[in-house]
Protein backbone atom coordinates (compact mmCIF):
# COMPACT_ATOMS: atom_id res chain seq x y z
CA UNK A 1 -0.05 0.03 0.14
CA UNK A 2 2.41 2.63 1.08
CA UNK A 3 4.69 1.75 -2.20
CA UNK A 4 1.78 2.60 -4.07
CA UNK A 5 1.04 5.79 -2.79
CA UNK A 6 4.77 6.88 -3.32
CA UNK A 7 4.55 5.94 -7.15
CA UNK A 8 1.07 7.73 -7.24
CA UNK A 9 2.71 10.89 -6.14
CA UNK A 10 5.50 10.26 -7.96
CA UNK A 11 3.46 10.47 -11.00
CA UNK A 12 1.59 13.33 -9.77
CA UNK A 13 4.70 14.86 -9.26
CA UNK A 14 6.74 14.35 -12.56
CA UNK A 15 3.35 16.07 -14.67
CA UNK A 16 3.44 18.72 -12.31
CA UNK A 17 -0.27 18.21 -11.36
CA UNK A 18 -2.74 18.18 -8.35
CA UNK A 19 -4.96 15.04 -7.57
CA UNK A 20 -7.91 16.93 -8.17
CA UNK A 21 -6.75 17.84 -11.74
CA UNK A 22 -7.04 13.89 -12.69
CA UNK A 23 -10.81 12.84 -13.34
CA UNK A 24 -10.48 9.23 -13.29
CA UNK A 25 -7.85 6.06 -12.44
CA UNK A 26 -7.94 2.81 -14.09
CA UNK A 27 -7.16 0.41 -11.70
CA UNK A 28 -4.98 -2.53 -11.81
CA UNK A 29 -7.77 -4.47 -9.94
CA UNK A 30 -6.99 -7.76 -8.92
CA UNK A 31 -10.30 -8.73 -7.77
CA UNK A 32 -9.22 -10.38 -4.31
CA UNK A 33 -9.65 -9.83 -1.37
CA UNK A 34 -6.10 -8.54 -0.37
CA UNK A 35 -5.22 -6.75 -3.35
CA UNK A 36 -8.33 -4.88 -4.01
CA UNK A 37 -8.34 -3.17 -0.49
CA UNK A 38 -4.42 -2.28 -0.60
CA UNK A 39 -5.33 -0.26 -3.99
CA UNK A 40 -8.45 1.20 -3.16
CA UNK A 41 -6.95 3.03 0.31
CA UNK A 42 -3.82 3.90 -1.47
CA UNK A 43 -5.74 5.72 -3.82
CA UNK A 44 -8.20 7.15 -1.02
CA UNK A 45 -4.69 8.46 0.50
CA UNK A 46 -3.62 9.95 -2.84
CA UNK A 47 -6.35 11.10 -5.29
CA UNK A 48 -8.92 10.91 -2.79
CA UNK A 49 -7.88 13.47 -0.38
CA UNK A 50 -7.78 17.64 -1.04
CA UNK A 51 -10.54 17.54 -4.17
CA UNK A 52 -14.51 18.68 -4.36
CA UNK A 53 -16.42 16.62 -2.80
CA UNK A 54 -18.91 16.91 -6.11
CA UNK A 55 -15.83 15.64 -7.94
CA UNK A 56 -14.66 12.65 -7.06
CA UNK A 57 -12.07 10.17 -8.82
CA UNK A 58 -13.97 7.65 -10.80
CA UNK A 59 -12.48 4.42 -10.50
CA UNK A 60 -12.72 1.29 -12.72
CA UNK A 61 -10.74 -1.49 -13.76
CA UNK A 62 -10.69 -2.88 -17.32
CA UNK A 63 -10.31 -6.65 -15.87
CA UNK A 64 -14.08 -6.49 -14.93
CA UNK A 65 -14.75 -5.67 -18.72
CA UNK A 66 -12.52 -8.14 -20.80
CA UNK A 67 -11.00 -10.86 -17.90
CA UNK A 68 -7.62 -10.80 -17.11
CA UNK A 69 -4.78 -9.25 -19.03
CA UNK A 70 -1.63 -11.00 -17.60
CA UNK A 71 1.01 -9.04 -19.15
CA UNK A 72 -1.05 -6.57 -20.96
CA UNK A 73 -2.54 -5.38 -17.90
CA UNK A 74 -0.92 -1.89 -18.18
CA UNK A 75 -1.53 -1.30 -21.73
CA UNK A 76 -4.99 -2.48 -21.60
CA UNK A 77 -5.98 0.13 -19.37
CA UNK A 78 -3.59 2.52 -21.36
CA UNK A 79 -6.01 1.86 -24.25
CA UNK A 80 -9.62 2.25 -22.50
CA UNK A 81 -8.91 4.97 -21.04
CA UNK A 82 -7.51 6.71 -24.26
CA UNK A 83 -10.56 5.38 -26.05
CA UNK A 84 -12.88 6.81 -23.04
CA UNK A 85 -11.25 10.28 -24.13
CA UNK A 86 -12.25 9.70 -28.24
CA UNK A 87 -15.59 9.00 -27.45
CA UNK A 88 -16.34 11.44 -24.01
CA UNK A 89 -17.90 7.99 -22.18
CA UNK A 90 -16.32 6.19 -19.12
CA UNK A 91 -17.59 2.84 -19.37
CA UNK A 92 -18.89 1.17 -16.41
CA UNK A 93 -16.96 -1.34 -14.13
CA UNK A 94 -19.18 -4.70 -14.75
CA UNK A 95 -20.01 -7.80 -11.87
CA UNK A 96 -19.86 -4.65 -9.11
CA UNK A 97 -22.90 -5.73 -6.35
CA UNK A 98 -21.39 -3.20 -3.78
CA UNK A 99 -18.20 -1.59 -3.08
CA UNK A 100 -16.00 -3.73 -0.83
CA UNK A 101 -16.34 -3.70 3.01
CA UNK A 102 -12.93 -4.05 3.61
CA UNK A 103 -12.33 -0.70 2.65
CA UNK A 104 -13.52 2.76 4.20
CA UNK A 105 -14.47 4.83 1.27
CA UNK A 106 -15.45 7.69 3.54
CA UNK A 107 -11.80 8.16 3.78
CA UNK A 108 -11.66 10.25 0.97
CA UNK A 109 -14.00 11.11 -2.63
CA UNK A 110 -13.61 8.60 -4.63
CA UNK A 111 -16.36 6.39 -6.35
CA UNK A 112 -16.37 3.13 -8.55
CA UNK A 113 -18.02 3.68 -11.69
CA UNK A 114 -20.89 1.52 -10.94
CA UNK A 115 -22.46 2.72 -14.41
CA UNK A 116 -21.36 4.07 -17.95
CA UNK A 117 -20.63 7.85 -17.07
CA UNK A 118 -20.67 10.56 -19.38
CA UNK A 119 -17.02 12.51 -19.73
CA UNK A 120 -17.42 15.94 -20.51
CA UNK A 121 -14.62 18.30 -21.35
CA UNK A 122 -14.26 20.63 -18.61
CA UNK A 123 -12.05 23.81 -17.63
CA UNK A 124 -9.04 21.79 -18.71
CA UNK A 125 -8.03 18.51 -20.26
CA UNK A 126 -9.24 15.14 -19.60
CA UNK A 127 -6.87 13.42 -17.63
CA UNK A 128 -6.75 9.60 -16.43
CA UNK A 129 -4.51 7.85 -14.26
CA UNK A 130 -3.35 4.16 -15.23
CA UNK A 131 -1.79 1.12 -12.54
CA UNK A 132 -0.17 -1.53 -13.63
CA UNK A 133 0.92 -3.62 -10.65
CA UNK A 134 2.24 -7.06 -11.20
CA UNK A 135 3.29 -10.28 -9.40
CA UNK A 136 6.65 -8.17 -8.53
CA UNK A 137 5.16 -5.58 -6.92
CA UNK A 138 4.35 -2.01 -7.57
CA UNK A 139 5.26 -1.49 -10.94
CA UNK A 140 3.78 1.78 -12.71
CA UNK A 141 1.13 4.37 -12.51
CA UNK A 142 1.06 6.95 -15.37
CA UNK A 143 -0.68 9.77 -16.08
CA UNK A 144 -2.68 10.79 -19.28
CA UNK A 145 -4.09 13.99 -20.75
CA UNK A 146 -5.91 14.20 -23.31
CA UNK A 147 -4.14 16.68 -26.22
CA UNK A 148 -4.71 19.56 -27.12
CA UNK A 149 -5.80 19.82 -31.07
CA UNK A 150 -6.18 23.69 -32.09
CA UNK A 151 -3.91 25.10 -34.07
CA UNK A 152 -1.84 22.05 -35.03
CA UNK A 153 0.17 21.49 -38.46
CA UNK A 154 0.04 18.44 -40.84
CA UNK A 155 3.39 17.70 -41.49
CA UNK A 156 2.81 18.07 -45.32
CA UNK A 157 2.49 21.91 -44.21
CA UNK A 158 5.73 22.05 -42.43
CA UNK A 159 8.38 23.37 -44.91
CA UNK A 160 11.62 24.63 -44.26
CA UNK A 161 10.39 28.30 -43.12
CA UNK A 162 8.11 26.65 -40.29
CA UNK A 163 9.80 23.30 -38.71
CA UNK A 164 12.64 24.99 -37.23
CA UNK A 165 14.98 21.65 -36.53
CA UNK A 166 14.24 18.82 -38.75
CA UNK A 167 15.95 15.48 -38.35
CA UNK A 168 16.08 12.38 -40.82
CA UNK A 169 16.96 9.57 -39.61
CA UNK A 170 18.56 6.05 -40.93
CA UNK A 171 20.01 2.73 -39.91
CA UNK A 172 21.79 -0.19 -41.30
CA UNK A 173 23.58 -3.50 -40.50
CA UNK A 174 26.96 -2.02 -40.79
CA UNK A 175 29.05 1.22 -40.84
CA UNK A 176 29.75 0.19 -44.79
CA UNK A 177 25.86 0.39 -45.08
CA UNK A 178 25.14 3.20 -43.37
CA UNK A 179 26.72 5.52 -45.38
CA UNK A 180 25.75 4.03 -48.45
CA UNK A 181 21.97 4.16 -47.21
CA UNK A 182 22.66 8.28 -47.20
CA UNK A 183 24.43 8.21 -50.27
CA UNK A 184 21.15 6.75 -51.53
CA UNK A 185 18.83 9.24 -49.90
CA UNK A 186 21.27 12.24 -50.90
CA UNK A 187 20.51 11.52 -54.47
CA UNK A 188 16.53 10.60 -54.18
CA UNK A 189 15.78 14.08 -52.10
CA UNK A 190 17.90 15.83 -54.93
CA UNK A 191 16.09 14.44 -57.70
CA UNK A 192 12.14 15.04 -56.06
CA UNK A 193 12.64 18.82 -54.91
CA UNK A 194 9.10 18.32 -54.55
CA UNK A 195 8.99 16.59 -51.65
CA UNK A 196 9.60 18.82 -48.20
CA UNK A 197 12.00 18.24 -45.58
CA UNK A 198 8.67 17.45 -43.23
CA UNK A 199 7.39 15.03 -45.37
CA UNK A 200 10.80 12.96 -45.52
CA UNK A 201 11.53 13.15 -42.07
CA UNK A 202 8.05 11.62 -41.43
CA UNK A 203 9.04 8.84 -44.21
CA UNK A 204 12.44 8.06 -42.21
CA UNK A 205 11.16 7.94 -38.93
CA UNK A 206 7.39 5.44 -39.09
CA UNK A 207 7.99 3.90 -42.90
CA UNK A 208 11.74 2.82 -42.76
CA UNK A 209 13.35 0.62 -40.54
CA UNK A 210 15.21 2.37 -37.83
CA UNK A 211 16.25 -1.01 -35.49
CA UNK A 212 19.63 -1.62 -36.92
CA UNK A 213 22.57 -1.44 -34.71
CA UNK A 214 24.25 1.58 -36.84
CA UNK A 215 22.67 4.84 -37.03
CA UNK A 216 22.85 8.21 -38.17
CA UNK A 217 20.76 11.24 -37.62
CA UNK A 218 21.27 14.14 -39.95
CA UNK A 219 19.47 17.68 -38.45
CA UNK A 220 18.89 20.67 -40.42
CA UNK A 221 16.56 23.44 -41.17
CA UNK A 222 16.25 23.54 -44.25
CA UNK A 223 17.26 20.81 -46.91
CA UNK A 224 20.23 22.35 -48.54
CA UNK A 225 21.54 22.02 -44.61
CA UNK A 226 20.44 18.23 -44.73
CA UNK A 227 21.96 17.51 -48.36
CA UNK A 228 25.15 18.83 -46.87
CA UNK A 229 24.78 16.58 -43.86
CA UNK A 230 24.48 13.82 -45.82
CA UNK A 231 27.43 14.48 -47.72
CA UNK A 232 29.29 15.11 -44.89
CA UNK A 233 28.20 11.58 -43.39
CA UNK A 234 28.77 9.70 -47.14
CA UNK A 235 32.90 11.32 -46.70
CA UNK A 236 32.91 11.21 -43.38
CA UNK A 237 33.33 14.98 -42.81
CA UNK A 238 32.67 15.84 -39.15
CA UNK A 239 29.61 18.01 -39.00
CA UNK A 240 27.77 19.99 -36.47
CA UNK A 241 24.51 18.49 -37.63
CA UNK A 242 25.50 15.01 -38.22
CA UNK A 243 24.99 12.31 -35.00
CA UNK A 244 25.98 8.69 -35.88
CA UNK A 245 27.00 5.82 -33.57
CA UNK A 246 26.13 2.13 -32.84
CA UNK A 247 23.36 0.87 -30.38
CA UNK A 248 24.56 -1.17 -27.64
CA UNK A 249 22.02 -3.49 -27.42
């Protein structure tokens, strides 16, 4: 219990938030007479304190919705909360006849999600905590915040004037292959001036293999700087905008 409290407080401190800034917690939810009271009491002692009684922390558990998720418990809770933010609706926790009698629910403002509940956008973004406490003890508590959508440019609209520094990444199985990749990339972009530097950066980051051990990153503010960085990598010259190395594992 105390270790769960510490990891929750550490997450709040890292996010620079107060307990009342978080609307809901997706609990690990052991479903046992031992584990559930420990987790509930840790939430009551942290999120349940110093908050408006009219806005209690809402508490759910994905295990009630889809069963025991084993090692995927944490990521299943993340997916559930992201979908809840997307739809503005908090799912019901199933199979709850009554809150556990082993927990002093009067010790803080925490309420079980015994029915689906709308999650309206308030004065700030929606926020949710997600806990994953495995067989080894206290593992992780993280806080999710709904992203702000206003004023976001699409990558295809980002050009040299607005992009700031752009990174082109390349990886290969050997140093020689890395140099060859850099050379081919320079030839490719030189022959296609219609491709924006932002589009090239996105394609290299998400559509190309980046997991090979030998890696190169070229940083520049415009096409000229980026191509010059590739040329420096090919020729073996040092450049402020070129970083290369090998992953240890």
